[in-house]
N, C-alpha and C. Protein backbone atom coordinates (compact mmCIF):
# COMPACT_ATOMS: atom_id res chain seq x y z
N MET A 1 0.45 -1.22 0.35
CA MET A 1 0.08 0.10 -0.14
C MET A 1 0.62 1.62 -0.15
N ALA A 2 0.73 2.03 -0.78
CA ALA A 2 1.63 3.75 -0.69
C ALA A 2 1.32 4.23 0.33
N ARG A 3 2.67 4.64 0.80
CA ARG A 3 2.35 5.38 1.50
C ARG A 3 1.34 7.47 2.00
N SER A 4 1.23 7.35 2.55
CA SER A 4 0.08 8.82 2.68
C SER A 4 1.49 9.79 3.29
N HIS A 5 1.19 10.66 2.02
CA HIS A 5 1.91 12.29 2.40
C HIS A 5 1.01 13.22 3.11
N GLY A 6 -0.06 13.30 3.50
CA GLY A 6 -0.75 14.36 3.96
C GLY A 6 -0.59 14.99 4.81
N GLU A 7 -1.13 16.60 5.03
CA GLU A 7 -0.84 16.96 5.47
C GLU A 7 -0.97 16.89 7.65
N ARG A 8 -1.73 15.75 7.78
CA ARG A 8 -1.92 14.61 9.19
C ARG A 8 -1.52 13.82 9.36
N LYS A 9 -0.49 13.85 8.40
CA LYS A 9 0.21 11.78 8.90
C LYS A 9 1.03 12.38 9.42
N ASN A 10 1.16 11.25 10.65
CA ASN A 10 2.07 11.13 11.65
C ASN A 10 1.26 12.13 13.26
N THR A 11 0.10 12.33 13.31
CA THR A 11 -0.41 13.50 14.14
C THR A 11 -1.33 12.31 14.99
N ARG A 12 -1.21 10.90 14.98
CA ARG A 12 -2.53 10.08 15.75
C ARG A 12 -2.91 10.48 17.09
N LYS A 13 -1.50 10.82 17.44
CA LYS A 13 -2.35 11.57 18.96
C LYS A 13 -1.97 12.98 18.99
N LYS A 14 -1.44 13.55 18.22
CA LYS A 14 -1.78 14.60 18.73
C LYS A 14 -2.60 15.33 17.89
N LEU A 15 -3.58 15.14 16.91
CA LEU A 15 -4.35 15.43 16.89
C LEU A 15 -5.77 14.82 17.15
N SER A 16 -5.60 14.24 18.33
CA SER A 16 -7.02 13.35 18.99
C SER A 16 -7.39 13.80 19.96
N LYS A 17 -8.46 13.50 20.08
CA LYS A 17 -9.52 14.62 21.61
C LYS A 17 -9.50 13.68 22.69
N ARG A 18 -9.43 13.73 23.76
CA ARG A 18 -9.84 12.90 24.87
C ARG A 18 -11.63 12.74 24.86
N LYS A 19 -11.68 11.62 25.15
CA LYS A 19 -12.90 10.79 25.51
C LYS A 19 -13.95 12.13 25.89
N ARG A 20 -14.18 12.93 26.35
CA ARG A 20 -15.35 13.52 26.98
C ARG A 20 -15.07 14.95 26.25
N GLU A 21 -14.05 15.19 25.77
CA GLU A 21 -14.27 16.69 24.44
C GLU A 21 -14.27 16.42 23.11
N ARG A 22 -14.61 14.58 22.91
CA ARG A 22 -15.32 14.79 21.32
C ARG A 22 -16.25 15.25 21.21
N GLY A 23 -16.03 15.22 19.51
CA GLY A 23 -17.57 16.38 19.00
C GLY A 23 -16.54 18.13 19.00
N LEU A 24 -18.23 18.67 18.26
CA LEU A 24 -17.80 19.77 18.33
C LEU A 24 -17.62 20.87 19.07
N SER A 25 -16.58 22.06 18.70
CA SER A 25 -16.11 22.51 20.15
C SER A 25 -17.44 23.95 19.90
N PRO A 26 -16.95 24.71 21.12
CA PRO A 26 -17.59 25.36 21.23
C PRO A 26 -18.41 26.76 20.28
N ILE A 27 -18.93 26.88 19.56
CA ILE A 27 -19.13 28.30 18.78
C ILE A 27 -18.50 29.78 19.47
N SER A 28 -18.46 29.97 21.02
CA SER A 28 -17.67 30.91 21.37
C SER A 28 -15.83 31.18 21.17
N ARG A 29 -15.50 29.83 20.65
CA ARG A 29 -14.22 29.63 20.54
C ARG A 29 -13.89 30.25 19.15
N ALA A 30 -14.79 29.86 18.11
CA ALA A 30 -14.89 30.47 16.75
C ALA A 30 -15.07 31.99 16.57
N ILE A 31 -15.38 32.88 17.78
CA ILE A 31 -16.54 34.05 17.24
C ILE A 31 -15.09 35.14 17.93
N GLN A 32 -14.17 34.70 18.97
CA GLN A 32 -13.26 35.19 19.58
C GLN A 32 -12.52 36.18 18.67
N SER A 33 -12.12 37.21 19.58
CA SER A 33 -11.06 38.00 18.78
C SER A 33 -9.79 38.53 18.87
N PHE A 34 -9.12 38.88 18.43
CA PHE A 34 -7.68 39.02 19.23
C PHE A 34 -7.18 40.82 18.49
N ALA A 35 -6.14 41.51 20.05
CA ALA A 35 -5.86 42.50 19.68
C ALA A 35 -4.51 42.22 18.81
N PRO A 36 -4.60 43.64 17.61
CA PRO A 36 -2.75 43.10 17.18
C PRO A 36 -1.96 43.54 18.64
N GLU A 37 -0.90 42.55 18.56
CA GLU A 37 0.82 42.77 19.25
C GLU A 37 0.05 41.83 20.68
N GLU A 38 -0.98 40.88 20.74
CA GLU A 38 -1.15 39.99 21.80
C GLU A 38 -0.70 38.82 21.69
N ARG A 39 -0.41 38.22 22.94
CA ARG A 39 0.00 37.01 22.60
C ARG A 39 -1.05 35.78 22.82
N VAL A 40 -0.23 34.87 21.74
CA VAL A 40 -1.57 33.78 21.55
C VAL A 40 -0.80 32.60 21.86
N HIS A 41 -1.09 31.80 21.91
CA HIS A 41 -0.72 29.93 22.11
C HIS A 41 -1.77 29.39 20.66
N ILE A 42 -0.70 28.67 20.65
CA ILE A 42 -1.38 27.76 19.18
C ILE A 42 -2.18 26.27 19.90
N ARG A 43 -3.03 25.89 19.86
CA ARG A 43 -3.40 24.41 20.30
C ARG A 43 -4.48 24.34 19.09
N ILE A 44 -4.32 23.08 18.46
CA ILE A 44 -5.10 23.12 16.97
C ILE A 44 -6.32 21.88 18.08
N ASP A 45 -7.48 22.87 17.27
CA ASP A 45 -8.68 21.55 17.41
C ASP A 45 -8.47 20.98 16.49
N PRO A 46 -8.96 19.70 16.56
CA PRO A 46 -8.85 18.35 15.24
C PRO A 46 -10.41 18.40 14.59
N SER A 47 -11.38 19.25 15.52
CA SER A 47 -12.97 18.94 15.26
C SER A 47 -13.37 20.42 13.84
N VAL A 48 -12.33 21.35 13.67
CA VAL A 48 -12.46 22.38 12.36
C VAL A 48 -11.15 22.20 12.02
N HIS A 49 -11.48 21.16 10.63
CA HIS A 49 -10.48 21.46 9.62
C HIS A 49 -9.82 22.85 8.79
N LYS A 50 -10.93 23.50 9.07
CA LYS A 50 -10.65 25.35 7.97
C LYS A 50 -9.29 25.70 9.24
N GLY A 51 -8.10 26.55 8.46
CA GLY A 51 -7.74 27.43 9.18
C GLY A 51 -7.18 26.95 9.86
N MET A 52 -6.50 25.54 9.74
CA MET A 52 -5.31 24.75 10.85
C MET A 52 -3.75 24.56 9.82
N PRO A 53 -3.71 25.52 11.63
CA PRO A 53 -1.44 25.61 10.74
C PRO A 53 -1.39 23.94 11.11
N HIS A 54 0.19 23.78 10.23
CA HIS A 54 0.89 22.38 10.39
C HIS A 54 1.37 22.04 11.88
N HIS A 55 1.02 20.83 12.13
CA HIS A 55 0.86 20.07 13.33
C HIS A 55 2.20 20.85 13.91
N ARG A 56 3.82 21.24 13.24
CA ARG A 56 4.70 21.23 13.60
C ARG A 56 4.37 22.28 15.06
N PHE A 57 3.51 22.87 14.48
CA PHE A 57 3.47 24.56 15.08
C PHE A 57 2.19 24.34 16.71
N HIS A 58 1.69 23.15 16.86
CA HIS A 58 1.57 22.92 17.71
C HIS A 58 1.65 23.13 18.96
N GLY A 59 1.30 24.03 20.09
CA GLY A 59 2.03 24.13 21.71
C GLY A 59 2.51 25.67 21.29
N MET A 60 2.95 26.21 20.03
CA MET A 60 3.96 27.34 19.99
C MET A 60 2.84 28.42 20.49
N THR A 61 3.68 29.66 20.89
CA THR A 61 2.86 31.07 21.26
C THR A 61 3.97 32.14 20.30
N GLY A 62 2.71 32.79 19.30
CA GLY A 62 3.10 33.50 18.71
C GLY A 62 2.84 34.78 18.94
N THR A 63 2.18 35.86 18.42
CA THR A 63 2.29 37.32 18.54
C THR A 63 1.43 37.76 17.38
N VAL A 64 0.15 38.29 17.95
CA VAL A 64 -0.85 38.51 16.44
C VAL A 64 -0.55 40.06 15.57
N LYS A 65 -0.07 39.57 14.49
CA LYS A 65 0.06 40.67 13.93
C LYS A 65 -0.95 41.53 12.89
N GLY A 66 -2.23 40.83 12.39
CA GLY A 66 -3.44 41.68 12.16
C GLY A 66 -3.83 40.33 11.62
N GLU A 67 -4.98 40.94 10.56
CA GLU A 67 -6.04 39.55 10.45
C GLU A 67 -6.16 39.76 9.25
N ARG A 68 -6.46 38.11 8.60
CA ARG A 68 -6.64 38.56 6.80
C ARG A 68 -8.43 37.55 7.21
N GLY A 69 -8.95 37.99 6.62
CA GLY A 69 -10.30 37.66 6.35
C GLY A 69 -10.66 36.79 7.41
N ARG A 70 -11.08 35.46 8.04
CA ARG A 70 -11.51 35.52 9.11
C ARG A 70 -10.65 35.23 10.49
N ALA A 71 -9.29 34.90 9.76
CA ALA A 71 -7.85 34.32 9.97
C ALA A 71 -6.94 35.48 10.43
N PHE A 72 -6.33 34.71 11.93
CA PHE A 72 -5.23 36.12 12.35
C PHE A 72 -3.55 35.65 11.66
N ILE A 73 -3.17 36.83 11.60
CA ILE A 73 -1.83 36.37 11.03
C ILE A 73 -0.97 36.47 12.47
N VAL A 74 -0.29 35.25 12.80
CA VAL A 74 0.01 35.36 13.68
C VAL A 74 1.72 34.98 13.69
N GLU A 75 2.86 35.86 14.26
CA GLU A 75 4.04 35.48 14.23
C GLU A 75 5.10 35.24 15.15
N ILE A 76 5.60 33.48 14.56
CA ILE A 76 6.57 33.12 15.57
C ILE A 76 8.05 32.43 15.16
N THR A 77 8.68 32.31 15.71
CA THR A 77 10.09 32.12 16.02
C THR A 77 10.50 30.76 15.88
N ASP A 78 10.29 30.57 15.07
CA ASP A 78 10.71 28.86 14.73
C ASP A 78 12.28 28.01 15.38
N GLY A 79 11.92 27.48 16.22
CA GLY A 79 12.99 27.06 17.61
C GLY A 79 14.13 26.23 16.75
N LYS A 80 14.02 25.56 15.60
CA LYS A 80 15.43 25.32 14.31
C LYS A 80 16.32 25.98 14.46
N ARG A 81 15.73 27.39 13.60
CA ARG A 81 16.87 28.04 12.87
C ARG A 81 16.66 29.80 13.19
N ASN A 82 15.79 29.69 14.24
CA ASN A 82 15.64 30.58 15.21
C ASN A 82 15.35 32.09 13.82
N ARG A 83 14.35 31.64 13.28
CA ARG A 83 13.61 32.55 12.08
C ARG A 83 12.41 33.11 12.46
N LYS A 84 11.98 33.89 11.93
CA LYS A 84 10.73 34.49 12.39
C LYS A 84 9.57 33.70 11.19
N LYS A 85 8.45 33.40 11.82
CA LYS A 85 7.43 32.91 10.26
C LYS A 85 5.93 33.62 11.00
N GLU A 86 5.49 33.83 9.92
CA GLU A 86 3.91 34.18 9.39
C GLU A 86 2.97 32.87 9.28
N LEU A 87 2.24 32.76 10.40
CA LEU A 87 0.94 31.86 9.88
C LEU A 87 -0.20 32.65 9.80
N PHE A 88 -1.02 32.01 9.30
CA PHE A 88 -2.27 32.52 8.88
C PHE A 88 -3.62 31.29 9.75
N VAL A 89 -3.72 31.60 10.90
CA VAL A 89 -4.55 30.63 11.65
C VAL A 89 -5.72 31.29 12.25
N ARG A 90 -7.03 30.57 12.01
CA ARG A 90 -8.47 30.78 12.65
C ARG A 90 -8.27 30.48 13.79
N ALA A 91 -9.29 31.32 14.16
CA ALA A 91 -8.94 31.86 15.76
C ALA A 91 -9.74 30.38 16.95
N GLU A 92 -10.29 29.12 16.23
CA GLU A 92 -10.52 27.92 17.14
C GLU A 92 -8.94 27.48 17.34
N HIS A 93 -8.14 27.65 16.64
CA HIS A 93 -6.65 27.36 17.16
C HIS A 93 -5.91 27.97 18.10
N LEU A 94 -6.51 29.06 18.36
CA LEU A 94 -5.90 29.93 19.51
C LEU A 94 -6.22 30.40 20.61
N SER A 95 -5.48 30.65 21.81
CA SER A 95 -6.16 30.78 23.15
C SER A 95 -4.81 31.79 23.51
N LEU A 96 -5.74 32.78 24.25
CA LEU A 96 -4.50 33.60 25.02
C LEU A 96 -3.78 33.26 25.56
N GLN A 97 -2.43 34.04 25.66
CA GLN A 97 -1.58 33.66 26.67
C GLN A 97 -2.14 34.04 28.37
N GLU A 98 -1.41 33.13 29.27
CA GLU A 98 -1.88 33.76 30.46
C GLU A 98 -0.77 33.78 31.57
């Protein structure tokens, strides 16, 4: 059988919910908004496929730079090469840093 090279490969544990969290996420998570220069955590919600960043960015913290449509532009520092990257992420996959 041919090997899959899709975006969600090797994410069996990372993109799965616990038993009591399964199903659709609350609508309040989808309509939250963030101001520019706010620090946010990237926590991928596997039940929402649109606006999902690559799974290597799961758990990282970044700064909101602006909006583009329904998504937010989040700037992170990539740990491997210490480069700044811009991600376009929907609000369902973001949470405020506390």
